[in-house]
Amino acid sequence: MPAAVIRVIRSRDAAGELVARLGVPLLDEYLEFLGGRCRPNTVLAAAYDLKVFFTTVKKTPRRVRPADVLAFMTAQRTGGEGRLQIAGPDAGGVSARTLRRRLSSVSGLYGFLLARGDVAVNPVPRGLPTRRERQRPGQGVPLVRTPRTLPRVLEPAEVDALMAALRTHRDRAMVAAMVLGGLRRCEVTGLRLGDLRFAERRVFIAEGKGGHQRLIPISPRFFTEVSTYLESERPATAATDAVFTVLKGPRRGLPLTAAGLDEILGGARRRAGLAQATCHQLRHTCLTQLRKAGMSLEAVQAQAGHASIESTRIYLHLGDDWLASQYRKAAEAIDAQQLPGSITAGAR
């Protein structure tokens, strides 16, 4: 399959929703199927992953074999042709998380084709066998191991510097939504006027990740900034109910896009002299500070909109004074040889 035929084609359907296609019948049929189950951004990410895969392997979907998948993994790790996204300034390949996501997208495609009878087997291996495979089936080595890293956050002084570098109440309200409420970038740009609950000091997230909705509290500072923005900055001629709109230029009054928010934040970061400050880091900063303040992990999960508590466990190490006290008590018991009978019996 020539690499030139694989392009992500974006369009809008009758309802105005984003539609992603690749110009390959089998792939487009899968993306159409995926569009009925997932949010548009998920479909777009899958389309990009499939573009990378088939650009690299240069085969039609029916001709792909496990050897091609393993060769694709090697090319991704070493920076081979088709990688399209590098992991860092000193690395030639993509990150382990990116590679795992791309393999998941490819595996999802072949799960769909297998169910329809278009292929006889899913060429993406579930894992590599080990010597213990006969005793414990399914306990093979994962194809991709991803490290468990802690979130990158901003220090309070960095947040203050960033806020001071923002030029409008609109911009300060958007950053406050992320750093004081833990909203995702798409959730900020997706806010509608009816989602703001001023009396309750809460915000309704109508379209969170995976289509999940939630009602979350946010600091009064956000509502102060957004109120001033709505009164003095938001164009009176805006014909959209989106909270955040473009303030200048030919797109004045139209909804602000994710790219526009990134541009605003990038400019403020440079003016503040910060080495890093992304939308996701602002969200991580909020959730980290909530955990440090003593919020339970379940409450942090609800604030973040995580479907699984496993996604919230990266904050488990923060601010858990109770757990630290339990460790101290255990250490003192060991020093005094006062271990519980069940433990000492098992140690004998």
C-alpha atoms as a PDB file:
ATOM      1  CA  MET A   1       0.000   0.000   0.000  1.00  0.00           C
ATOM      2  CA  PRO A   2       1.682   3.269  -1.083  1.00  0.00           C
ATOM      3  CA  ALA A   3       2.169   5.700   1.758  1.00  0.00           C
ATOM      4  CA  ALA A   4       0.713   8.551  -0.353  1.00  0.00           C
ATOM      5  CA  VAL A   5      -2.834   7.148  -0.233  1.00  0.00           C
ATOM      6  CA  ILE A   6      -3.008   7.306   3.564  1.00  0.00           C
ATOM      7  CA  ARG A   7      -4.231  10.712   4.638  1.00  0.00           C
ATOM      8  CA  VAL A   8      -6.468  11.755   7.492  1.00  0.00           C
ATOM      9  CA  ILE A   9      -9.458  13.474   5.865  1.00  0.00           C
ATOM     10  CA  ARG A  10     -11.487  15.639   8.222  1.00  0.00           C
ATOM     11  CA  SER A  11     -15.038  16.794   7.576  1.00  0.00           C
ATOM     12  CA  ARG A  12     -18.278  17.575   9.423  1.00  0.00           C
ATOM     13  CA  ASP A  13     -21.483  15.576   9.397  1.00  0.00           C
ATOM     14  CA  ALA A  14     -25.004  17.007   9.261  1.00  0.00           C
ATOM     15  CA  ALA A  15     -24.955  17.556  13.029  1.00  0.00           C
ATOM     16  CA  GLY A  16     -21.657  19.430  12.842  1.00  0.00           C
ATOM     17  CA  GLU A  17     -19.641  16.630  14.467  1.00  0.00           C
ATOM     18  CA  LEU A  18     -16.077  15.964  13.360  1.00  0.00           C
ATOM     19  CA  VAL A  19     -15.708  12.999  10.965  1.00  0.00           C
ATOM     20  CA  ALA A  20     -12.306  11.388  10.223  1.00  0.00           C
ATOM     21  CA  ARG A  21     -11.636   9.140   7.247  1.00  0.00           C
ATOM     22  CA  LEU A  22      -8.511   7.684   5.596  1.00  0.00           C
ATOM     23  CA  GLY A  23      -9.653   6.966   2.035  1.00  0.00           C
ATOM     24  CA  VAL A  24      -9.258   3.180   2.447  1.00  0.00           C
ATOM     25  CA  PRO A  25     -12.618   1.318   2.428  1.00  0.00           C
ATOM     26  CA  LEU A  26     -11.908  -1.200   5.220  1.00  0.00           C
ATOM     27  CA  LEU A  27     -10.350   1.451   7.442  1.00  0.00           C
ATOM     28  CA  ASP A  28     -13.142   3.934   6.806  1.00  0.00           C
ATOM     29  CA  GLU A  29     -15.786   1.333   7.614  1.00  0.00           C
ATOM     30  CA  TYR A  30     -14.045   0.723  10.936  1.00  0.00           C
ATOM     31  CA  LEU A  31     -13.838   4.459  11.680  1.00  0.00           C
ATOM     32  CA  GLU A  32     -17.546   4.796  10.894  1.00  0.00           C
ATOM     33  CA  PHE A  33     -18.271   1.936  13.307  1.00  0.00           C
ATOM     34  CA  LEU A  34     -16.038   3.553  15.910  1.00  0.00           C
ATOM     35  CA  GLY A  35     -17.875   6.853  15.472  1.00  0.00           C
ATOM     36  CA  GLY A  36     -21.043   5.230  16.791  1.00  0.00           C
ATOM     37  CA  ARG A  37     -19.306   4.159  19.994  1.00  0.00           C
ATOM     38  CA  CYS A  38     -16.716   6.847  20.775  1.00  0.00           C
ATOM     39  CA  ARG A  39     -16.268  10.595  20.887  1.00  0.00           C
ATOM     40  CA  PRO A  40     -15.003  12.379  17.730  1.00  0.00           C
ATOM     41  CA  ASN A  41     -11.579  13.040  19.256  1.00  0.00           C
ATOM     42  CA  THR A  42     -11.158   9.316  19.942  1.00  0.00           C
ATOM     43  CA  VAL A  43     -12.028   8.503  16.337  1.00  0.00           C
ATOM     44  CA  LEU A  44      -9.570  11.128  15.111  1.00  0.00           C
ATOM     45  CA  ALA A  45      -6.795   9.687  17.309  1.00  0.00           C
ATOM     46  CA  ALA A  46      -7.515   6.173  16.002  1.00  0.00           C
ATOM     47  CA  ALA A  47      -7.432   7.450  12.421  1.00  0.00           C
ATOM     48  CA  TYR A  48      -4.029   9.025  13.005  1.00  0.00           C
ATOM     49  CA  ASP A  49      -2.690   5.825  14.609  1.00  0.00           C
ATOM     50  CA  LEU A  50      -3.890   3.737  11.663  1.00  0.00           C
ATOM     51  CA  LYS A  51      -2.353   6.217   9.244  1.00  0.00           C
ATOM     52  CA  VAL A  52       1.006   5.814  10.995  1.00  0.00           C
ATOM     53  CA  PHE A  53       0.742   2.024  11.013  1.00  0.00           C
ATOM     54  CA  PHE A  54      -0.185   1.508   7.381  1.00  0.00           C
ATOM     55  CA  THR A  55       2.236   4.195   6.220  1.00  0.00           C
ATOM     56  CA  THR A  56       4.970   2.174   7.903  1.00  0.00           C
ATOM     57  CA  VAL A  57       4.021  -1.399   6.948  1.00  0.00           C
ATOM     58  CA  LYS A  58       2.952  -0.470   3.368  1.00  0.00           C
ATOM     59  CA  LYS A  59       0.468  -3.344   3.123  1.00  0.00           C
ATOM     60  CA  THR A  60      -3.272  -3.636   2.714  1.00  0.00           C
ATOM     61  CA  PRO A  61      -5.154  -4.569   5.922  1.00  0.00           C
ATOM     62  CA  ARG A  62      -5.735  -8.178   4.778  1.00  0.00           C
ATOM     63  CA  ARG A  63      -2.033  -8.801   4.103  1.00  0.00           C
ATOM     64  CA  VAL A  64      -0.685  -7.699   7.496  1.00  0.00           C
ATOM     65  CA  ARG A  65       0.964 -10.460   9.547  1.00  0.00           C
ATOM     66  CA  PRO A  66       2.366 -10.587  13.127  1.00  0.00           C
ATOM     67  CA  ALA A  67       5.872 -10.125  11.693  1.00  0.00           C
ATOM     68  CA  ASP A  68       4.746  -6.794  10.236  1.00  0.00           C
ATOM     69  CA  VAL A  69       3.422  -5.685  13.631  1.00  0.00           C
ATOM     70  CA  LEU A  70       6.697  -6.573  15.343  1.00  0.00           C
ATOM     71  CA  ALA A  71       8.664  -4.763  12.615  1.00  0.00           C
ATOM     72  CA  PHE A  72       6.406  -1.742  13.129  1.00  0.00           C
ATOM     73  CA  MET A  73       7.223  -1.791  16.831  1.00  0.00           C
ATOM     74  CA  THR A  74      10.934  -1.811  16.066  1.00  0.00           C
ATOM     75  CA  ALA A  75      10.567   1.105  13.656  1.00  0.00           C
ATOM     76  CA  GLN A  76       8.605   3.083  16.242  1.00  0.00           C
ATOM     77  CA  ARG A  77      11.167   2.484  18.973  1.00  0.00           C
ATOM     78  CA  THR A  78      14.216   3.266  16.842  1.00  0.00           C
ATOM     79  CA  GLY A  79      12.784   6.191  14.898  1.00  0.00           C
ATOM     80  CA  GLY A  80      12.202   4.351  11.652  1.00  0.00           C
ATOM     81  CA  GLU A  81      10.119   5.578   8.754  1.00  0.00           C
ATOM     82  CA  GLY A  82       6.568   6.505   9.694  1.00  0.00           C
ATOM     83  CA  ARG A  83       7.192   7.259  13.366  1.00  0.00           C
ATOM     84  CA  LEU A  84       5.895  10.872  12.999  1.00  0.00           C
ATOM     85  CA  GLN A  85       6.263  11.641  16.705  1.00  0.00           C
ATOM     86  CA  ILE A  86       9.511  11.573  18.657  1.00  0.00           C
ATOM     87  CA  ALA A  87       9.727  10.902  22.369  1.00  0.00           C
ATOM     88  CA  GLY A  88      12.285  13.555  23.231  1.00  0.00           C
ATOM     89  CA  PRO A  89      15.242  15.589  21.982  1.00  0.00           C
ATOM     90  CA  ASP A  90      17.703  12.736  22.486  1.00  0.00           C
ATOM     91  CA  ALA A  91      15.437   9.878  21.448  1.00  0.00           C
ATOM     92  CA  GLY A  92      14.702   8.686  17.949  1.00  0.00           C
ATOM     93  CA  GLY A  93      11.510   6.746  18.662  1.00  0.00           C
ATOM     94  CA  VAL A  94       8.118   7.324  20.186  1.00  0.00           C
ATOM     95  CA  SER A  95       7.346   6.858  23.858  1.00  0.00           C
ATOM     96  CA  ALA A  96       6.157   3.521  25.198  1.00  0.00           C
ATOM     97  CA  ARG A  97       2.713   4.978  25.921  1.00  0.00           C
ATOM     98  CA  THR A  98       2.343   6.236  22.358  1.00  0.00           C
ATOM     99  CA  LEU A  99       3.407   2.877  20.954  1.00  0.00           C
ATOM    100  CA  ARG A 100       0.965   1.031  23.202  1.00  0.00           C
ATOM    101  CA  ARG A 101      -1.872   3.314  22.131  1.00  0.00           C
ATOM    102  CA  ARG A 102      -1.069   2.797  18.454  1.00  0.00           C
ATOM    103  CA  LEU A 103      -0.979  -0.975  18.868  1.00  0.00           C
ATOM    104  CA  SER A 104      -4.313  -0.781  20.680  1.00  0.00           C
ATOM    105  CA  SER A 105      -5.809   1.122  17.746  1.00  0.00           C
ATOM    106  CA  VAL A 106      -4.496  -1.443  15.274  1.00  0.00           C
ATOM    107  CA  SER A 107      -5.732  -4.324  17.426  1.00  0.00           C
ATOM    108  CA  GLY A 108      -9.157  -2.691  17.634  1.00  0.00           C
ATOM    109  CA  LEU A 109      -9.304  -2.481  13.852  1.00  0.00           C
ATOM    110  CA  TYR A 110      -8.513  -6.168  13.461  1.00  0.00           C
ATOM    111  CA  GLY A 111     -10.974  -7.122  16.181  1.00  0.00           C
ATOM    112  CA  PHE A 112     -13.634  -5.417  14.051  1.00  0.00           C
ATOM    113  CA  LEU A 113     -12.440  -7.079  10.819  1.00  0.00           C
ATOM    114  CA  LEU A 114     -12.261 -10.466  12.557  1.00  0.00           C
ATOM    115  CA  ALA A 115     -15.834 -10.133  13.826  1.00  0.00           C
ATOM    116  CA  ARG A 116     -17.012  -9.325  10.308  1.00  0.00           C
ATOM    117  CA  GLY A 117     -15.098 -12.224   8.757  1.00  0.00           C
ATOM    118  CA  ASP A 118     -12.760 -10.025   6.692  1.00  0.00           C
ATOM    119  CA  VAL A 119      -9.652 -11.595   8.262  1.00  0.00           C
ATOM    120  CA  ALA A 120      -9.002 -14.967   9.891  1.00  0.00           C
ATOM    121  CA  VAL A 121      -6.811 -13.768  12.768  1.00  0.00           C
ATOM    122  CA  ASN A 122      -5.825 -10.607  14.620  1.00  0.00           C
ATOM    123  CA  PRO A 123      -2.145 -10.058  13.710  1.00  0.00           C
ATOM    124  CA  VAL A 124      -1.421  -8.013  16.853  1.00  0.00           C
ATOM    125  CA  PRO A 125      -0.011 -10.474  19.446  1.00  0.00           C
ATOM    126  CA  ARG A 126      -1.463 -10.182  22.940  1.00  0.00           C
ATOM    127  CA  GLY A 127       1.989 -10.780  24.417  1.00  0.00           C
ATOM    128  CA  LEU A 128       5.123 -12.857  24.137  1.00  0.00           C
ATOM    129  CA  PRO A 129       5.175 -16.369  25.666  1.00  0.00           C
ATOM    130  CA  THR A 130       7.438 -17.289  28.567  1.00  0.00           C
ATOM    131  CA  ARG A 131       8.628 -20.566  30.091  1.00  0.00           C
ATOM    132  CA  ARG A 132       5.749 -20.378  32.584  1.00  0.00           C
ATOM    133  CA  GLU A 133       3.122 -20.185  29.851  1.00  0.00           C
ATOM    134  CA  ARG A 134       2.122 -23.850  30.227  1.00  0.00           C
ATOM    135  CA  GLN A 135       1.593 -23.531  33.980  1.00  0.00           C
ATOM    136  CA  ARG A 136      -0.061 -20.089  33.837  1.00  0.00           C
ATOM    137  CA  PRO A 137      -1.692 -19.483  30.430  1.00  0.00           C
ATOM    138  CA  GLY A 138      -2.076 -15.853  29.527  1.00  0.00           C
ATOM    139  CA  GLN A 139       0.822 -14.773  31.773  1.00  0.00           C
ATOM    140  CA  GLY A 140       3.108 -13.899  28.904  1.00  0.00           C
ATOM    141  CA  VAL A 141       5.317 -10.826  28.641  1.00  0.00           C
ATOM    142  CA  PRO A 142       3.414  -7.713  27.477  1.00  0.00           C
ATOM    143  CA  LEU A 143       4.395  -6.432  24.046  1.00  0.00           C
ATOM    144  CA  VAL A 144       4.992  -2.966  25.478  1.00  0.00           C
ATOM    145  CA  ARG A 145       5.924  -2.137  29.058  1.00  0.00           C
ATOM    146  CA  THR A 146       5.021   1.389  30.094  1.00  0.00           C
ATOM    147  CA  PRO A 147       6.715   3.001  33.096  1.00  0.00           C
ATOM    148  CA  ARG A 148       4.561   4.353  35.901  1.00  0.00           C
ATOM    149  CA  THR A 149       5.676   7.967  36.125  1.00  0.00           C
ATOM    150  CA  LEU A 150       4.505  10.761  38.389  1.00  0.00           C
ATOM    151  CA  PRO A 151       2.609  13.689  36.839  1.00  0.00           C
ATOM    152  CA  ARG A 152       4.510  16.851  35.960  1.00  0.00           C
ATOM    153  CA  VAL A 153       3.082  19.791  37.861  1.00  0.00           C
ATOM    154  CA  LEU A 154       3.761  23.498  38.271  1.00  0.00           C
ATOM    155  CA  GLU A 155       4.945  25.076  41.487  1.00  0.00           C
ATOM    156  CA  PRO A 156       2.672  27.723  43.087  1.00  0.00           C
ATOM    157  CA  ALA A 157       5.108  30.484  42.073  1.00  0.00           C
ATOM    158  CA  GLU A 158       5.010  29.256  38.470  1.00  0.00           C
ATOM    159  CA  VAL A 159       1.215  29.291  38.471  1.00  0.00           C
ATOM    160  CA  ASP A 160       1.249  32.864  39.802  1.00  0.00           C
ATOM    161  CA  ALA A 161       3.734  33.915  37.118  1.00  0.00           C
ATOM    162  CA  LEU A 162       1.616  32.308  34.411  1.00  0.00           C
ATOM    163  CA  MET A 163      -1.585  33.973  35.622  1.00  0.00           C
ATOM    164  CA  ALA A 164       0.179  37.340  35.728  1.00  0.00           C
ATOM    165  CA  ALA A 165       1.299  36.891  32.107  1.00  0.00           C
ATOM    166  CA  LEU A 166      -2.262  36.345  30.825  1.00  0.00           C
ATOM    167  CA  ARG A 167      -3.717  39.440  29.185  1.00  0.00           C
ATOM    168  CA  THR A 168      -7.498  39.042  29.425  1.00  0.00           C
ATOM    169  CA  HIS A 169     -10.114  37.919  31.896  1.00  0.00           C
ATOM    170  CA  ARG A 170     -11.107  35.253  29.366  1.00  0.00           C
ATOM    171  CA  ASP A 171      -7.620  33.782  29.405  1.00  0.00           C
ATOM    172  CA  ARG A 172      -7.383  33.881  33.191  1.00  0.00           C
ATOM    173  CA  ALA A 173     -10.783  32.195  33.472  1.00  0.00           C
ATOM    174  CA  MET A 174      -9.715  29.375  31.138  1.00  0.00           C
ATOM    175  CA  VAL A 175      -6.475  28.759  33.013  1.00  0.00           C
ATOM    176  CA  ALA A 176      -8.327  28.936  36.340  1.00  0.00           C
ATOM    177  CA  ALA A 177     -10.751  26.270  35.085  1.00  0.00           C
ATOM    178  CA  MET A 178      -7.812  23.926  34.540  1.00  0.00           C
ATOM    179  CA  VAL A 179      -5.584  24.767  37.498  1.00  0.00           C
ATOM    180  CA  LEU A 180      -8.383  25.298  40.048  1.00  0.00           C
ATOM    181  CA  GLY A 181     -10.987  22.879  38.681  1.00  0.00           C
ATOM    182  CA  GLY A 182      -8.960  20.187  36.939  1.00  0.00           C
ATOM    183  CA  LEU A 183     -10.801  20.538  33.628  1.00  0.00           C
ATOM    184  CA  ARG A 184      -9.365  19.059  30.455  1.00  0.00           C
ATOM    185  CA  ARG A 185      -8.596  21.350  27.520  1.00  0.00           C
ATOM    186  CA  CYS A 186     -11.544  20.013  25.510  1.00  0.00           C
ATOM    187  CA  GLU A 187     -13.823  20.491  28.512  1.00  0.00           C
ATOM    188  CA  VAL A 188     -12.823  24.156  28.787  1.00  0.00           C
ATOM    189  CA  THR A 189     -13.467  24.896  25.107  1.00  0.00           C
ATOM    190  CA  GLY A 190     -16.667  22.827  25.263  1.00  0.00           C
ATOM    191  CA  LEU A 191     -18.267  24.810  28.097  1.00  0.00           C
ATOM    192  CA  ARG A 192     -21.659  26.334  27.302  1.00  0.00           C
ATOM    193  CA  LEU A 193     -23.256  29.317  29.028  1.00  0.00           C
ATOM    194  CA  GLY A 194     -25.850  27.059  30.633  1.00  0.00           C
ATOM    195  CA  ASP A 195     -23.090  24.924  32.169  1.00  0.00           C
ATOM    196  CA  LEU A 196     -22.029  27.690  34.571  1.00  0.00           C
ATOM    197  CA  ARG A 197     -23.797  27.357  37.922  1.00  0.00           C
ATOM    198  CA  PHE A 198     -22.831  30.670  39.535  1.00  0.00           C
ATOM    199  CA  ALA A 199     -25.013  30.295  42.630  1.00  0.00           C
ATOM    200  CA  GLU A 200     -23.614  26.839  43.387  1.00  0.00           C
ATOM    201  CA  ARG A 201     -20.041  27.698  42.365  1.00  0.00           C
ATOM    202  CA  ARG A 202     -20.128  24.586  40.205  1.00  0.00           C
ATOM    203  CA  VAL A 203     -19.612  23.767  36.547  1.00  0.00           C
ATOM    204  CA  PHE A 204     -21.517  21.124  34.610  1.00  0.00           C
ATOM    205  CA  ILE A 205     -19.316  19.124  32.243  1.00  0.00           C
ATOM    206  CA  ALA A 206     -21.744  17.951  29.566  1.00  0.00           C
ATOM    207  CA  GLU A 207     -19.223  16.199  27.331  1.00  0.00           C
ATOM    208  CA  GLY A 208     -16.323  14.848  29.310  1.00  0.00           C
ATOM    209  CA  LYS A 209     -13.927  12.180  28.118  1.00  0.00           C
ATOM    210  CA  GLY A 210     -15.823   9.140  26.920  1.00  0.00           C
ATOM    211  CA  GLY A 211     -19.060  11.148  26.929  1.00  0.00           C
ATOM    212  CA  HIS A 212     -19.266  11.056  30.736  1.00  0.00           C
ATOM    213  CA  GLN A 213     -20.959  13.977  32.495  1.00  0.00           C
ATOM    214  CA  ARG A 214     -20.166  15.416  35.911  1.00  0.00           C
ATOM    215  CA  LEU A 215     -20.925  18.417  38.123  1.00  0.00           C
ATOM    216  CA  ILE A 216     -17.854  19.757  39.898  1.00  0.00           C
ATOM    217  CA  PRO A 217     -17.025  22.645  42.239  1.00  0.00           C
ATOM    218  CA  ILE A 218     -14.469  25.278  41.210  1.00  0.00           C
ATOM    219  CA  SER A 219     -12.817  28.061  43.198  1.00  0.00           C
ATOM    220  CA  PRO A 220     -14.697  31.404  43.335  1.00  0.00           C
ATOM    221  CA  ARG A 221     -11.676  32.922  41.570  1.00  0.00           C
ATOM    222  CA  PHE A 222     -12.786  31.202  38.359  1.00  0.00           C
ATOM    223  CA  PHE A 223     -16.300  32.620  38.619  1.00  0.00           C
ATOM    224  CA  THR A 224     -14.935  36.108  39.309  1.00  0.00           C
ATOM    225  CA  GLU A 225     -12.827  36.000  36.152  1.00  0.00           C
ATOM    226  CA  VAL A 226     -15.501  34.442  33.946  1.00  0.00           C
ATOM    227  CA  SER A 227     -18.111  36.956  35.176  1.00  0.00           C
ATOM    228  CA  THR A 228     -15.881  39.896  34.270  1.00  0.00           C
ATOM    229  CA  TYR A 229     -15.134  38.311  30.898  1.00  0.00           C
ATOM    230  CA  LEU A 230     -18.819  37.819  30.108  1.00  0.00           C
ATOM    231  CA  GLU A 231     -19.661  41.396  31.132  1.00  0.00           C
ATOM    232  CA  SER A 232     -16.824  43.296  29.474  1.00  0.00           C
ATOM    233  CA  GLU A 233     -14.965  41.161  26.903  1.00  0.00           C
ATOM    234  CA  ARG A 234     -17.222  38.594  25.248  1.00  0.00           C
ATOM    235  CA  PRO A 235     -18.481  40.005  21.917  1.00  0.00           C
ATOM    236  CA  ALA A 236     -22.132  41.036  22.188  1.00  0.00           C
ATOM    237  CA  THR A 237     -22.630  39.835  18.603  1.00  0.00           C
ATOM    238  CA  ALA A 238     -21.485  36.277  19.366  1.00  0.00           C
ATOM    239  CA  ALA A 239     -24.113  33.883  17.975  1.00  0.00           C
ATOM    240  CA  THR A 240     -22.831  30.851  19.903  1.00  0.00           C
ATOM    241  CA  ASP A 241     -23.598  29.622  23.389  1.00  0.00           C
ATOM    242  CA  ALA A 242     -19.960  28.596  23.871  1.00  0.00           C
ATOM    243  CA  VAL A 243     -18.577  30.370  26.906  1.00  0.00           C
ATOM    244  CA  PHE A 244     -15.143  31.137  25.458  1.00  0.00           C
ATOM    245  CA  THR A 245     -14.992  32.848  22.076  1.00  0.00           C
ATOM    246  CA  VAL A 246     -12.428  34.560  19.879  1.00  0.00           C
ATOM    247  CA  LEU A 247     -12.041  38.218  20.858  1.00  0.00           C
ATOM    248  CA  LYS A 248     -10.300  39.692  17.793  1.00  0.00           C
ATOM    249  CA  GLY A 249      -9.842  39.164  14.080  1.00  0.00           C
ATOM    250  CA  PRO A 250     -12.067  37.638  11.399  1.00  0.00           C
ATOM    251  CA  ARG A 251     -13.210  34.843  13.750  1.00  0.00           C
ATOM    252  CA  ARG A 252     -14.344  37.280  16.443  1.00  0.00           C
ATOM    253  CA  GLY A 253     -17.349  35.866  18.280  1.00  0.00           C
ATOM    254  CA  LEU A 254     -16.800  32.290  17.132  1.00  0.00           C
ATOM    255  CA  PRO A 255     -16.029  29.501  19.625  1.00  0.00           C
ATOM    256  CA  LEU A 256     -12.388  29.289  20.681  1.00  0.00           C
ATOM    257  CA  THR A 257     -10.672  26.113  19.483  1.00  0.00           C
ATOM    258  CA  ALA A 258      -8.246  23.845  21.316  1.00  0.00           C
ATOM    259  CA  ALA A 259      -5.465  25.130  19.045  1.00  0.00           C
ATOM    260  CA  GLY A 260      -6.384  28.682  20.011  1.00  0.00           C
ATOM    261  CA  LEU A 261      -6.200  27.830  23.708  1.00  0.00           C
ATOM    262  CA  ASP A 262      -2.792  26.222  23.182  1.00  0.00           C
ATOM    263  CA  GLU A 263      -1.578  29.369  21.403  1.00  0.00           C
ATOM    264  CA  ILE A 264      -2.789  31.595  24.244  1.00  0.00           C
ATOM    265  CA  LEU A 265      -1.132  29.413  26.865  1.00  0.00           C
ATOM    266  CA  GLY A 266       2.098  29.155  24.875  1.00  0.00           C
ATOM    267  CA  GLY A 267       2.369  32.930  24.629  1.00  0.00           C
ATOM    268  CA  ALA A 268       1.764  33.385  28.351  1.00  0.00           C
ATOM    269  CA  ARG A 269       4.325  30.705  29.159  1.00  0.00           C
ATOM    270  CA  ARG A 270       6.977  32.496  27.109  1.00  0.00           C
ATOM    271  CA  ARG A 271       6.169  35.862  28.668  1.00  0.00           C
ATOM    272  CA  ALA A 272       6.365  34.332  32.145  1.00  0.00           C
ATOM    273  CA  GLY A 273       9.739  32.745  31.341  1.00  0.00           C
ATOM    274  CA  LEU A 274       8.542  29.228  32.177  1.00  0.00           C
ATOM    275  CA  ALA A 275      10.120  26.129  30.696  1.00  0.00           C
ATOM    276  CA  GLN A 276       6.834  24.221  30.782  1.00  0.00           C
ATOM    277  CA  ALA A 277       3.143  24.962  31.136  1.00  0.00           C
ATOM    278  CA  THR A 278       0.692  22.841  29.166  1.00  0.00           C
ATOM    279  CA  CYS A 279      -3.044  22.417  29.621  1.00  0.00           C
ATOM    280  CA  HIS A 280      -2.563  18.900  30.945  1.00  0.00           C
ATOM    281  CA  GLN A 281       0.107  20.040  33.404  1.00  0.00           C
ATOM    282  CA  LEU A 282      -2.344  22.614  34.763  1.00  0.00           C
ATOM    283  CA  ARG A 283      -4.903  19.838  35.257  1.00  0.00           C
ATOM    284  CA  HIS A 284      -2.278  17.652  36.963  1.00  0.00           C
ATOM    285  CA  THR A 285      -1.341  20.588  39.189  1.00  0.00           C
ATOM    286  CA  CYS A 286      -4.933  20.989  40.346  1.00  0.00           C
ATOM    287  CA  LEU A 287      -5.452  17.301  41.117  1.00  0.00           C
ATOM    288  CA  THR A 288      -2.078  17.106  42.874  1.00  0.00           C
ATOM    289  CA  GLN A 289      -2.912  20.051  45.135  1.00  0.00           C
ATOM    290  CA  LEU A 290      -6.353  18.617  45.923  1.00  0.00           C
ATOM    291  CA  ARG A 291      -4.724  15.365  47.010  1.00  0.00           C
ATOM    292  CA  LYS A 292      -2.115  17.212  49.067  1.00  0.00           C
ATOM    293  CA  ALA A 293      -4.913  19.119  50.771  1.00  0.00           C
ATOM    294  CA  GLY A 294      -6.303  15.814  52.030  1.00  0.00           C
ATOM    295  CA  MET A 295      -9.032  15.063  49.474  1.00  0.00           C
ATOM    296  CA  SER A 296      -9.746  11.349  49.264  1.00  0.00           C
ATOM    297  CA  LEU A 297      -8.702   9.458  46.160  1.00  0.00           C
ATOM    298  CA  GLU A 298     -12.358   8.778  45.283  1.00  0.00           C
ATOM    299  CA  ALA A 299     -13.148  12.499  45.484  1.00  0.00           C
ATOM    300  CA  VAL A 300     -10.163  13.326  43.288  1.00  0.00           C
ATOM    301  CA  GLN A 301     -11.430  10.724  40.808  1.00  0.00           C
ATOM    302  CA  ALA A 302     -14.838  12.415  40.713  1.00  0.00           C
ATOM    303  CA  GLN A 303     -13.284  15.857  40.244  1.00  0.00           C
ATOM    304  CA  ALA A 304     -11.027  14.597  37.464  1.00  0.00           C
ATOM    305  CA  GLY A 305     -13.737  12.631  35.684  1.00  0.00           C
ATOM    306  CA  HIS A 306     -11.692   9.432  35.598  1.00  0.00           C
ATOM    307  CA  ALA A 307     -13.754   6.410  34.583  1.00  0.00           C
ATOM    308  CA  SER A 308     -11.466   4.134  36.604  1.00  0.00           C
ATOM    309  CA  ILE A 309      -9.806   4.688  39.968  1.00  0.00           C
ATOM    310  CA  GLU A 310      -6.643   3.231  38.427  1.00  0.00           C
ATOM    311  CA  SER A 311      -6.156   6.481  36.485  1.00  0.00           C
ATOM    312  CA  THR A 312      -6.269   8.409  39.760  1.00  0.00           C
ATOM    313  CA  ARG A 313      -3.731   6.233  41.571  1.00  0.00           C
ATOM    314  CA  ILE A 314      -0.825   8.324  40.265  1.00  0.00           C
ATOM    315  CA  TYR A 315      -1.786  10.777  43.026  1.00  0.00           C
ATOM    316  CA  LEU A 316      -1.825   8.081  45.718  1.00  0.00           C
ATOM    317  CA  HIS A 317       1.607   9.059  47.071  1.00  0.00           C
ATOM    318  CA  LEU A 318       0.562  12.647  47.785  1.00  0.00           C
ATOM    319  CA  GLY A 319      -0.563  14.032  51.102  1.00  0.00           C
ATOM    320  CA  ASP A 320      -1.514  10.724  52.669  1.00  0.00           C
ATOM    321  CA  ASP A 321      -0.584  11.542  56.250  1.00  0.00           C
ATOM    322  CA  TRP A 322      -2.733   8.690  57.574  1.00  0.00           C
ATOM    323  CA  LEU A 323      -0.803   6.165  55.504  1.00  0.00           C
ATOM    324  CA  ALA A 324       2.493   7.677  56.619  1.00  0.00           C
ATOM    325  CA  SER A 325       1.396   7.355  60.239  1.00  0.00           C
ATOM    326  CA  GLN A 326       0.577   3.676  59.677  1.00  0.00           C
ATOM    327  CA  TYR A 327       4.069   3.097  58.301  1.00  0.00           C
ATOM    328  CA  ARG A 328       5.558   4.819  61.343  1.00  0.00           C
ATOM    329  CA  LYS A 329       3.476   2.696  63.716  1.00  0.00           C
ATOM    330  CA  ALA A 330       4.523  -0.471  61.894  1.00  0.00           C
ATOM    331  CA  ALA A 331       8.188   0.530  62.127  1.00  0.00           C
ATOM    332  CA  GLU A 332       7.848   1.241  65.831  1.00  0.00           C
ATOM    333  CA  ALA A 333       6.171  -2.146  66.368  1.00  0.00           C
ATOM    334  CA  ILE A 334       9.006  -3.888  64.556  1.00  0.00           C
ATOM    335  CA  ASP A 335      11.583  -2.063  66.658  1.00  0.00           C
ATOM    336  CA  ALA A 336       9.723  -3.074  69.830  1.00  0.00           C
ATOM    337  CA  GLN A 337       9.093  -6.604  68.519  1.00  0.00           C
ATOM    338  CA  GLN A 338       5.345  -6.113  68.977  1.00  0.00           C
ATOM    339  CA  LEU A 339       4.197  -7.507  65.655  1.00  0.00           C
ATOM    340  CA  PRO A 340       0.655  -8.958  65.476  1.00  0.00           C
ATOM    341  CA  GLY A 341       0.498 -12.676  66.208  1.00  0.00           C
ATOM    342  CA  SER A 342      -0.691 -13.588  62.683  1.00  0.00           C
ATOM    343  CA  ILE A 343       2.323 -11.899  61.136  1.00  0.00           C
ATOM    344  CA  THR A 344       4.870 -13.321  63.561  1.00  0.00           C
ATOM    345  CA  ALA A 345       3.386 -16.776  63.155  1.00  0.00           C
ATOM    346  CA  GLY A 346       3.759 -16.555  59.409  1.00  0.00           C
ATOM    347  CA  ALA A 347       7.337 -15.415  59.766  1.00  0.00           C
ATOM    348  CA  ARG A 348       8.411 -18.354  61.866  1.00  0.00           C
END
